[in-house]
Every structure is written in structure tokens, then in C-alpha cells.
Amino acid sequence: MVEKRYAVLLCAEDSEYVKKKYGGYFGVFSKMLGEEGEKWDVYRVANGEFPMEDEIGGYNGFVITGSCSDAHSDEHWICRLIDLLKKLDSMKKKVLGICFGHQILGRALGGRTGRAGSGWDIGFRTVHLSSPSTIFSTLKLPGRLSIIECHRDEIVELPPKAEVIGWSEKTGIEMFRYGDHMMGIQGHPEYTTDILLHLIDRLLLKNLIIESFAKEVRAKVQELEADREPWRRLCVAFLKGTGL
């Protein structure tokens, strides 16, 4: 049997806490999505580490992670990532974008990203699945799923030929698909409540949010839970199945 290979395009620096407890964000994603008989690699693209041209074809799929950077930025590594995603699109490679990954995938395909008019979205959010996609019915998913969010940017203009497949009261494009090979999710199906609480502390230390907001969010998130298992099944089915 030919070994299936997948790559995580890591767009953020791991904190010491996440490295120690979860093996970094690569560990978080590979644990959620990985299965026996697969090989998972990581490319730290935010540090300029990209797959070589002759390596790309050997992968069955790619996952783009979240980031502290803006998807509408023109940093060198972000421009390189956009070029890579265009290449993967031309090769019809499976690509799953999460948070920043969702946004940068939308930008690479011809959409537009920017600051969300409604400000930060941190905590739990109900996503309405709005597409008659066969994958939703095959997996017997409910029409609404709770997910952890942590973002202040969003896709403000959908790429041509892309379809919105999930929305929330806060964000109009919570999920999109492009053909059968590319899908973006604005929320974080990979996050635990513990990771979110850690991120809230980091955002506060960096003065990206204020104490009163952080306190309010902390209180709310400890009372709720995300639908992590349905999200995991959806991501696995998309990445390794026949598409949407």
C-alpha cells in the first residue's frame, strides 16, 4: 500500500506552553487529522521554510494553520505562500485552510481579506452549514455546529467561483469551498478550551485586547463546549475523501 502524505503549513510561532503540552500546533493538527499508515510533515512557512517544487506532488493534501499575521499583509513569506497556494490549486491538491489559513486561501484564489467590521470574535460561535453538499449529509452532520473562534480579520469578498458553505451571526463567510479540492474554515476545529484560554492571555499581554474584554470572554468560554468531533470528521472527510 502506498503511504499517504500530508503537510501542515505552519503560519505561526509555537508558544512554549503549546509546545510543551501539545507538541506545538503541528502536534495539535496531526493528532486531530492523522491516521495510521500516514506520514505528516510540517513546513514552518512563517519562517521561510517551504516545500521544494519537486516535493509538492508527493503530498495528498495540505493544511494551512492560523497566524498572528494579517492575511492582507504583503510580507515576503505571505506572498510566497500565496504563490504556493495558486500552484496547489492548479494541481488540484486538497487544501484545508484554518482561520488565517482560510483567509489566505481566499485571497490566493482571488478574494479579498481585511479587518472585520464587527471587531474581534473570540470564544464560541454557532456556524450554520448552508450548503447541500453531499459530505454534510453523508456524515449526518446537524445544520449547526459550535466552534471556537479567535480572529479580527475575515474574508470580505469571496473568490470567484467559490461558494459559502457556512455562516454565523458574526461572520458572513465562516466556511467556503472552491471546487472539490479547497475548503476554508474561519474558526478553529483543532482548538481546545485550554488552548483558547492560553491565547486570550497572550493577546492580553500583547495589548491586542483589553482586560475587561478578556475577563468577559474567559467567563463565557468555561461554560460552553465546541462540537469538536463533528468538525474533526468533516475535516478528515474533506482532506481524505472525494471532496464536497
C-alpha atoms as a PDB file:
ATOM      1  CA  MET A   1       0.000   0.000   0.000  1.00  0.00           C
ATOM      2  CA  VAL A   2       1.285   3.456  -0.929  1.00  0.00           C
ATOM      3  CA  GLU A   3       1.770   5.660   2.128  1.00  0.00           C
ATOM      4  CA  LYS A   4      -0.368   8.790   2.105  1.00  0.00           C
ATOM      5  CA  ARG A   5       1.448  12.009   2.900  1.00  0.00           C
ATOM      6  CA  TYR A   6       0.132  15.277   4.253  1.00  0.00           C
ATOM      7  CA  ALA A   7       1.816  18.553   5.170  1.00  0.00           C
ATOM      8  CA  VAL A   8       0.979  21.253   7.687  1.00  0.00           C
ATOM      9  CA  LEU A   9       1.930  24.745   6.515  1.00  0.00           C
ATOM     10  CA  LEU A  10       2.626  26.334   9.893  1.00  0.00           C
ATOM     11  CA  CYS A  11       1.973  30.076   9.810  1.00  0.00           C
ATOM     12  CA  ALA A  12       2.587  30.871  13.492  1.00  0.00           C
ATOM     13  CA  GLU A  13       5.271  30.599  16.129  1.00  0.00           C
ATOM     14  CA  ASP A  14       4.516  27.996  18.793  1.00  0.00           C
ATOM     15  CA  SER A  15       4.372  29.303  22.343  1.00  0.00           C
ATOM     16  CA  GLU A  16       6.375  27.399  24.936  1.00  0.00           C
ATOM     17  CA  TYR A  17       3.121  26.329  26.582  1.00  0.00           C
ATOM     18  CA  VAL A  18       1.667  24.807  23.399  1.00  0.00           C
ATOM     19  CA  LYS A  19       4.998  23.155  22.542  1.00  0.00           C
ATOM     20  CA  LYS A  20       5.263  21.574  25.988  1.00  0.00           C
ATOM     21  CA  LYS A  21       1.655  20.449  26.357  1.00  0.00           C
ATOM     22  CA  TYR A  22       0.629  19.651  22.765  1.00  0.00           C
ATOM     23  CA  GLY A  23       3.840  19.232  20.784  1.00  0.00           C
ATOM     24  CA  GLY A  24       3.226  22.575  19.081  1.00  0.00           C
ATOM     25  CA  TYR A  25       0.432  23.353  16.627  1.00  0.00           C
ATOM     26  CA  PHE A  26       1.782  20.682  14.294  1.00  0.00           C
ATOM     27  CA  GLY A  27       1.126  18.215  17.104  1.00  0.00           C
ATOM     28  CA  VAL A  28      -2.391  19.583  17.549  1.00  0.00           C
ATOM     29  CA  PHE A  29      -3.248  19.180  13.852  1.00  0.00           C
ATOM     30  CA  SER A  30      -1.543  15.835  13.293  1.00  0.00           C
ATOM     31  CA  LYS A  31      -3.299  14.395  16.343  1.00  0.00           C
ATOM     32  CA  MET A  32      -6.683  15.635  15.143  1.00  0.00           C
ATOM     33  CA  LEU A  33      -6.329  14.646  11.484  1.00  0.00           C
ATOM     34  CA  GLY A  34      -3.670  11.947  11.337  1.00  0.00           C
ATOM     35  CA  GLU A  35      -4.445   8.252  10.972  1.00  0.00           C
ATOM     36  CA  GLU A  36      -2.436   5.047  10.917  1.00  0.00           C
ATOM     37  CA  GLY A  37      -0.396   4.487   7.759  1.00  0.00           C
ATOM     38  CA  GLU A  38       0.057   8.203   7.008  1.00  0.00           C
ATOM     39  CA  LYS A  39       3.109  10.451   7.100  1.00  0.00           C
ATOM     40  CA  TRP A  40       2.677  14.021   8.311  1.00  0.00           C
ATOM     41  CA  ASP A  41       5.298  16.719   7.751  1.00  0.00           C
ATOM     42  CA  VAL A  42       5.492  20.334   8.837  1.00  0.00           C
ATOM     43  CA  TYR A  43       6.806  23.364   6.935  1.00  0.00           C
ATOM     44  CA  ARG A  44       7.297  26.479   9.047  1.00  0.00           C
ATOM     45  CA  VAL A  45       6.339  28.849   6.265  1.00  0.00           C
ATOM     46  CA  ALA A  46       6.254  31.903   8.561  1.00  0.00           C
ATOM     47  CA  ASN A  47       9.998  31.300   9.000  1.00  0.00           C
ATOM     48  CA  GLY A  48      10.554  30.925   5.260  1.00  0.00           C
ATOM     49  CA  GLU A  49      10.521  27.105   5.212  1.00  0.00           C
ATOM     50  CA  PHE A  50       8.570  25.924   2.175  1.00  0.00           C
ATOM     51  CA  PRO A  51       8.308  22.574   0.357  1.00  0.00           C
ATOM     52  CA  MET A  52      10.571  22.229  -2.663  1.00  0.00           C
ATOM     53  CA  GLU A  53       8.979  22.253  -6.108  1.00  0.00           C
ATOM     54  CA  ASP A  54       9.645  18.537  -6.584  1.00  0.00           C
ATOM     55  CA  GLU A  55       8.179  17.662  -3.167  1.00  0.00           C
ATOM     56  CA  ILE A  56       4.716  19.141  -3.691  1.00  0.00           C
ATOM     57  CA  GLY A  57       3.434  16.379  -5.955  1.00  0.00           C
ATOM     58  CA  GLY A  58       4.178  13.732  -3.333  1.00  0.00           C
ATOM     59  CA  TYR A  59       1.580  15.075  -0.921  1.00  0.00           C
ATOM     60  CA  ASN A  60      -2.079  14.085  -0.858  1.00  0.00           C
ATOM     61  CA  GLY A  61      -3.130  17.221   0.956  1.00  0.00           C
ATOM     62  CA  PHE A  62      -2.115  20.337   2.866  1.00  0.00           C
ATOM     63  CA  VAL A  63      -3.395  22.150   5.964  1.00  0.00           C
ATOM     64  CA  ILE A  64      -2.773  25.888   6.467  1.00  0.00           C
ATOM     65  CA  THR A  65      -2.818  26.983  10.109  1.00  0.00           C
ATOM     66  CA  GLY A  66      -3.776  30.136  11.931  1.00  0.00           C
ATOM     67  CA  SER A  67      -1.345  33.018  12.422  1.00  0.00           C
ATOM     68  CA  CYS A  68      -0.806  36.282  14.278  1.00  0.00           C
ATOM     69  CA  SER A  69      -0.073  37.906  10.906  1.00  0.00           C
ATOM     70  CA  ASP A  70      -2.660  39.578   8.687  1.00  0.00           C
ATOM     71  CA  ALA A  71      -3.767  37.708   5.580  1.00  0.00           C
ATOM     72  CA  HIS A  72      -3.957  41.062   3.770  1.00  0.00           C
ATOM     73  CA  SER A  73      -0.276  41.778   4.534  1.00  0.00           C
ATOM     74  CA  ASP A  74       2.392  41.729   1.837  1.00  0.00           C
ATOM     75  CA  GLU A  75       5.135  40.221   3.992  1.00  0.00           C
ATOM     76  CA  HIS A  76       7.553  38.205   1.888  1.00  0.00           C
ATOM     77  CA  TRP A  77       6.562  34.821   3.327  1.00  0.00           C
ATOM     78  CA  ILE A  78       2.869  35.592   2.848  1.00  0.00           C
ATOM     79  CA  CYS A  79       3.420  36.426  -0.824  1.00  0.00           C
ATOM     80  CA  ARG A  80       5.386  33.168  -1.209  1.00  0.00           C
ATOM     81  CA  LEU A  81       2.535  31.283   0.452  1.00  0.00           C
ATOM     82  CA  ILE A  82       0.021  32.828  -1.952  1.00  0.00           C
ATOM     83  CA  ASP A  83       2.166  31.662  -4.890  1.00  0.00           C
ATOM     84  CA  LEU A  84       2.314  28.150  -3.405  1.00  0.00           C
ATOM     85  CA  LEU A  85      -1.460  28.030  -2.944  1.00  0.00           C
ATOM     86  CA  LYS A  86      -2.018  29.080  -6.539  1.00  0.00           C
ATOM     87  CA  LYS A  87       0.287  26.241  -7.576  1.00  0.00           C
ATOM     88  CA  LEU A  88      -1.622  23.759  -5.415  1.00  0.00           C
ATOM     89  CA  ASP A  89      -4.880  24.957  -6.976  1.00  0.00           C
ATOM     90  CA  SER A  90      -3.505  24.348 -10.469  1.00  0.00           C
ATOM     91  CA  MET A  91      -2.523  20.823  -9.364  1.00  0.00           C
ATOM     92  CA  LYS A  92      -5.959  20.271  -7.768  1.00  0.00           C
ATOM     93  CA  LYS A  93      -4.316  19.337  -4.479  1.00  0.00           C
ATOM     94  CA  LYS A  94      -6.532  19.089  -1.406  1.00  0.00           C
ATOM     95  CA  VAL A  95      -6.047  22.158   0.800  1.00  0.00           C
ATOM     96  CA  LEU A  96      -7.750  22.901   4.117  1.00  0.00           C
ATOM     97  CA  GLY A  97      -7.340  26.431   5.479  1.00  0.00           C
ATOM     98  CA  ILE A  98      -7.999  27.247   9.140  1.00  0.00           C
ATOM     99  CA  CYS A  99      -8.528  30.849  10.404  1.00  0.00           C
ATOM    100  CA  PHE A 100      -5.615  32.769   8.823  1.00  0.00           C
ATOM    101  CA  GLY A 101      -5.322  29.758   6.510  1.00  0.00           C
ATOM    102  CA  HIS A 102      -8.960  30.208   5.492  1.00  0.00           C
ATOM    103  CA  GLN A 103      -8.343  33.892   4.791  1.00  0.00           C
ATOM    104  CA  ILE A 104      -5.077  33.490   2.875  1.00  0.00           C
ATOM    105  CA  LEU A 105      -6.601  30.697   0.800  1.00  0.00           C
ATOM    106  CA  GLY A 106      -9.470  33.010  -0.087  1.00  0.00           C
ATOM    107  CA  ARG A 107      -7.004  35.759  -1.049  1.00  0.00           C
ATOM    108  CA  ALA A 108      -4.880  33.399  -3.156  1.00  0.00           C
ATOM    109  CA  LEU A 109      -7.970  32.317  -5.104  1.00  0.00           C
ATOM    110  CA  GLY A 110      -8.940  35.898  -5.944  1.00  0.00           C
ATOM    111  CA  GLY A 111     -10.954  37.008  -2.914  1.00  0.00           C
ATOM    112  CA  ARG A 112     -10.278  39.918  -0.586  1.00  0.00           C
ATOM    113  CA  THR A 113      -9.487  39.942   3.141  1.00  0.00           C
ATOM    114  CA  GLY A 114      -9.409  42.683   5.770  1.00  0.00           C
ATOM    115  CA  ARG A 115     -10.346  43.719   9.293  1.00  0.00           C
ATOM    116  CA  ALA A 116     -13.763  42.509  10.387  1.00  0.00           C
ATOM    117  CA  GLY A 117     -16.176  45.391  10.706  1.00  0.00           C
ATOM    118  CA  SER A 118     -17.593  43.839  13.878  1.00  0.00           C
ATOM    119  CA  GLY A 119     -14.182  43.581  15.595  1.00  0.00           C
ATOM    120  CA  TRP A 120     -12.650  40.637  17.444  1.00  0.00           C
ATOM    121  CA  ASP A 121     -14.512  37.349  17.592  1.00  0.00           C
ATOM    122  CA  ILE A 122     -13.132  35.300  20.494  1.00  0.00           C
ATOM    123  CA  GLY A 123     -14.985  32.409  22.072  1.00  0.00           C
ATOM    124  CA  PHE A 124     -17.667  30.028  20.877  1.00  0.00           C
ATOM    125  CA  ARG A 125     -19.703  30.685  17.765  1.00  0.00           C
ATOM    126  CA  THR A 126     -22.560  28.737  16.159  1.00  0.00           C
ATOM    127  CA  VAL A 127     -21.875  28.061  12.479  1.00  0.00           C
ATOM    128  CA  HIS A 128     -24.840  27.365  10.198  1.00  0.00           C
ATOM    129  CA  LEU A 129     -23.965  24.866   7.472  1.00  0.00           C
ATOM    130  CA  SER A 130     -25.587  26.375   4.414  1.00  0.00           C
ATOM    131  CA  SER A 131     -24.733  24.058   1.551  1.00  0.00           C
ATOM    132  CA  PRO A 132     -26.483  20.925   0.295  1.00  0.00           C
ATOM    133  CA  SER A 133     -23.001  19.400  -0.063  1.00  0.00           C
ATOM    134  CA  THR A 134     -23.068  15.620  -0.053  1.00  0.00           C
ATOM    135  CA  ILE A 135     -20.338  15.484   2.589  1.00  0.00           C
ATOM    136  CA  PHE A 136     -22.659  17.116   5.148  1.00  0.00           C
ATOM    137  CA  SER A 137     -25.435  14.583   4.563  1.00  0.00           C
ATOM    138  CA  THR A 138     -23.035  11.630   4.281  1.00  0.00           C
ATOM    139  CA  LEU A 139     -21.545  12.471   7.677  1.00  0.00           C
ATOM    140  CA  LYS A 140     -25.047  13.111   9.064  1.00  0.00           C
ATOM    141  CA  LEU A 141     -23.971  16.469  10.447  1.00  0.00           C
ATOM    142  CA  PRO A 142     -26.526  18.723  12.134  1.00  0.00           C
ATOM    143  CA  GLY A 143     -27.363  22.032  10.486  1.00  0.00           C
ATOM    144  CA  ARG A 144     -25.474  23.978  13.155  1.00  0.00           C
ATOM    145  CA  LEU A 145     -22.121  23.337  14.832  1.00  0.00           C
ATOM    146  CA  SER A 146     -20.368  25.195  17.640  1.00  0.00           C
ATOM    147  CA  ILE A 147     -16.732  26.143  17.036  1.00  0.00           C
ATOM    148  CA  ILE A 148     -14.001  28.115  18.808  1.00  0.00           C
ATOM    149  CA  GLU A 149     -13.150  31.434  17.162  1.00  0.00           C
ATOM    150  CA  CYS A 150     -10.187  33.759  17.656  1.00  0.00           C
ATOM    151  CA  HIS A 151      -9.826  36.358  14.895  1.00  0.00           C
ATOM    152  CA  ARG A 152     -10.243  40.014  13.990  1.00  0.00           C
ATOM    153  CA  ASP A 153      -9.810  39.619  10.209  1.00  0.00           C
ATOM    154  CA  GLU A 154     -12.116  37.916   7.742  1.00  0.00           C
ATOM    155  CA  ILE A 155     -12.779  37.284   4.069  1.00  0.00           C
ATOM    156  CA  VAL A 156     -14.693  40.351   2.958  1.00  0.00           C
ATOM    157  CA  GLU A 157     -15.079  39.329  -0.683  1.00  0.00           C
ATOM    158  CA  LEU A 158     -15.457  35.724  -1.802  1.00  0.00           C
ATOM    159  CA  PRO A 159     -13.198  34.398  -4.587  1.00  0.00           C
ATOM    160  CA  PRO A 160     -14.915  33.990  -7.972  1.00  0.00           C
ATOM    161  CA  LYS A 161     -16.486  30.518  -8.325  1.00  0.00           C
ATOM    162  CA  ALA A 162     -16.216  29.898  -4.565  1.00  0.00           C
ATOM    163  CA  GLU A 163     -19.300  29.017  -2.527  1.00  0.00           C
ATOM    164  CA  VAL A 164     -20.172  29.933   1.063  1.00  0.00           C
ATOM    165  CA  ILE A 165     -20.979  26.725   2.930  1.00  0.00           C
ATOM    166  CA  GLY A 166     -21.092  28.100   6.475  1.00  0.00           C
ATOM    167  CA  TRP A 167     -22.069  31.393   8.118  1.00  0.00           C
ATOM    168  CA  SER A 168     -22.676  32.836  11.574  1.00  0.00           C
ATOM    169  CA  GLU A 169     -24.349  35.894  13.044  1.00  0.00           C
ATOM    170  CA  LYS A 170     -20.901  37.463  13.444  1.00  0.00           C
ATOM    171  CA  THR A 171     -19.182  36.409  10.200  1.00  0.00           C
ATOM    172  CA  GLY A 172     -20.814  36.002   6.808  1.00  0.00           C
ATOM    173  CA  ILE A 173     -18.131  33.688   5.395  1.00  0.00           C
ATOM    174  CA  GLU A 174     -17.390  31.162   8.136  1.00  0.00           C
ATOM    175  CA  MET A 175     -16.692  28.443   5.570  1.00  0.00           C
ATOM    176  CA  PHE A 176     -16.204  28.295   1.846  1.00  0.00           C
ATOM    177  CA  ARG A 177     -15.365  25.727  -0.756  1.00  0.00           C
ATOM    178  CA  TYR A 178     -13.632  26.133  -4.082  1.00  0.00           C
ATOM    179  CA  GLY A 179     -14.201  23.227  -6.425  1.00  0.00           C
ATOM    180  CA  ASP A 180     -13.859  19.874  -4.705  1.00  0.00           C
ATOM    181  CA  HIS A 181     -10.286  20.423  -3.584  1.00  0.00           C
ATOM    182  CA  MET A 182     -10.145  23.532  -1.409  1.00  0.00           C
ATOM    183  CA  MET A 183     -12.023  24.452   1.759  1.00  0.00           C
ATOM    184  CA  GLY A 184     -11.653  27.215   4.330  1.00  0.00           C
ATOM    185  CA  ILE A 185     -12.920  27.331   7.919  1.00  0.00           C
ATOM    186  CA  GLN A 186     -12.703  30.637   9.804  1.00  0.00           C
ATOM    187  CA  GLY A 187     -12.996  29.025  13.231  1.00  0.00           C
ATOM    188  CA  HIS A 188     -10.612  26.612  14.932  1.00  0.00           C
ATOM    189  CA  PRO A 189     -11.832  22.995  14.877  1.00  0.00           C
ATOM    190  CA  GLU A 190      -8.446  21.980  16.333  1.00  0.00           C
ATOM    191  CA  TYR A 191      -8.603  24.188  19.447  1.00  0.00           C
ATOM    192  CA  THR A 192      -9.392  23.013  22.944  1.00  0.00           C
ATOM    193  CA  THR A 193     -10.802  25.411  25.529  1.00  0.00           C
ATOM    194  CA  ASP A 194      -7.405  25.233  27.222  1.00  0.00           C
ATOM    195  CA  ILE A 195      -5.635  26.487  24.082  1.00  0.00           C
ATOM    196  CA  LEU A 196      -8.157  29.318  23.723  1.00  0.00           C
ATOM    197  CA  LEU A 197      -7.694  30.437  27.333  1.00  0.00           C
ATOM    198  CA  HIS A 198      -3.926  30.440  26.781  1.00  0.00           C
ATOM    199  CA  LEU A 199      -4.370  32.553  23.628  1.00  0.00           C
ATOM    200  CA  ILE A 200      -6.546  35.061  25.467  1.00  0.00           C
ATOM    201  CA  ASP A 201      -3.704  35.545  27.965  1.00  0.00           C
ATOM    202  CA  ARG A 202      -1.204  36.042  25.120  1.00  0.00           C
ATOM    203  CA  LEU A 203      -3.433  38.580  23.354  1.00  0.00           C
ATOM    204  CA  LEU A 204      -3.822  40.494  26.603  1.00  0.00           C
ATOM    205  CA  LEU A 205      -0.054  40.539  27.202  1.00  0.00           C
ATOM    206  CA  LYS A 206       0.457  41.918  23.692  1.00  0.00           C
ATOM    207  CA  ASN A 207      -2.176  44.627  24.353  1.00  0.00           C
ATOM    208  CA  LEU A 208      -4.276  43.364  21.447  1.00  0.00           C
ATOM    209  CA  ILE A 209      -7.336  43.120  23.709  1.00  0.00           C
ATOM    210  CA  ILE A 210      -8.248  44.892  26.954  1.00  0.00           C
ATOM    211  CA  GLU A 211      -8.595  43.289  30.403  1.00  0.00           C
ATOM    212  CA  SER A 212     -12.361  43.750  30.683  1.00  0.00           C
ATOM    213  CA  PHE A 213     -12.932  42.019  27.334  1.00  0.00           C
ATOM    214  CA  ALA A 214     -10.540  39.191  28.268  1.00  0.00           C
ATOM    215  CA  LYS A 215     -12.341  38.659  31.580  1.00  0.00           C
ATOM    216  CA  GLU A 216     -15.740  38.574  29.876  1.00  0.00           C
ATOM    217  CA  VAL A 217     -14.578  36.044  27.275  1.00  0.00           C
ATOM    218  CA  ARG A 218     -12.863  33.803  29.866  1.00  0.00           C
ATOM    219  CA  ALA A 219     -16.088  33.595  31.874  1.00  0.00           C
ATOM    220  CA  LYS A 220     -18.162  32.641  28.820  1.00  0.00           C
ATOM    221  CA  VAL A 221     -15.831  30.028  27.324  1.00  0.00           C
ATOM    222  CA  GLN A 222     -15.663  27.995  30.526  1.00  0.00           C
ATOM    223  CA  GLU A 223     -19.414  27.459  30.381  1.00  0.00           C
ATOM    224  CA  LEU A 224     -19.579  26.124  26.804  1.00  0.00           C
ATOM    225  CA  GLU A 225     -18.148  23.404  24.564  1.00  0.00           C
ATOM    226  CA  ALA A 226     -17.331  23.163  20.871  1.00  0.00           C
ATOM    227  CA  ASP A 227     -18.564  20.342  18.642  1.00  0.00           C
ATOM    228  CA  ARG A 228     -15.002  19.114  18.151  1.00  0.00           C
ATOM    229  CA  GLU A 229     -15.763  15.564  16.982  1.00  0.00           C
ATOM    230  CA  PRO A 230     -18.154  16.541  14.141  1.00  0.00           C
ATOM    231  CA  TRP A 231     -15.620  19.168  13.000  1.00  0.00           C
ATOM    232  CA  ARG A 232     -12.841  16.562  13.076  1.00  0.00           C
ATOM    233  CA  ARG A 233     -14.902  14.149  10.980  1.00  0.00           C
ATOM    234  CA  LEU A 234     -15.721  16.905   8.493  1.00  0.00           C
ATOM    235  CA  CYS A 235     -12.071  17.943   8.112  1.00  0.00           C
ATOM    236  CA  VAL A 236     -10.864  14.347   7.736  1.00  0.00           C
ATOM    237  CA  ALA A 237     -13.586  13.505   5.214  1.00  0.00           C
ATOM    238  CA  PHE A 238     -12.767  16.576   3.130  1.00  0.00           C
ATOM    239  CA  LEU A 239      -8.999  16.152   3.229  1.00  0.00           C
ATOM    240  CA  LYS A 240      -9.002  12.427   2.522  1.00  0.00           C
ATOM    241  CA  GLY A 241     -12.301  11.810   0.783  1.00  0.00           C
ATOM    242  CA  THR A 242     -13.829  12.764  -2.529  1.00  0.00           C
ATOM    243  CA  GLY A 243     -14.432  16.400  -1.685  1.00  0.00           C
ATOM    244  CA  LEU A 244     -17.616  18.342  -1.016  1.00  0.00           C
END
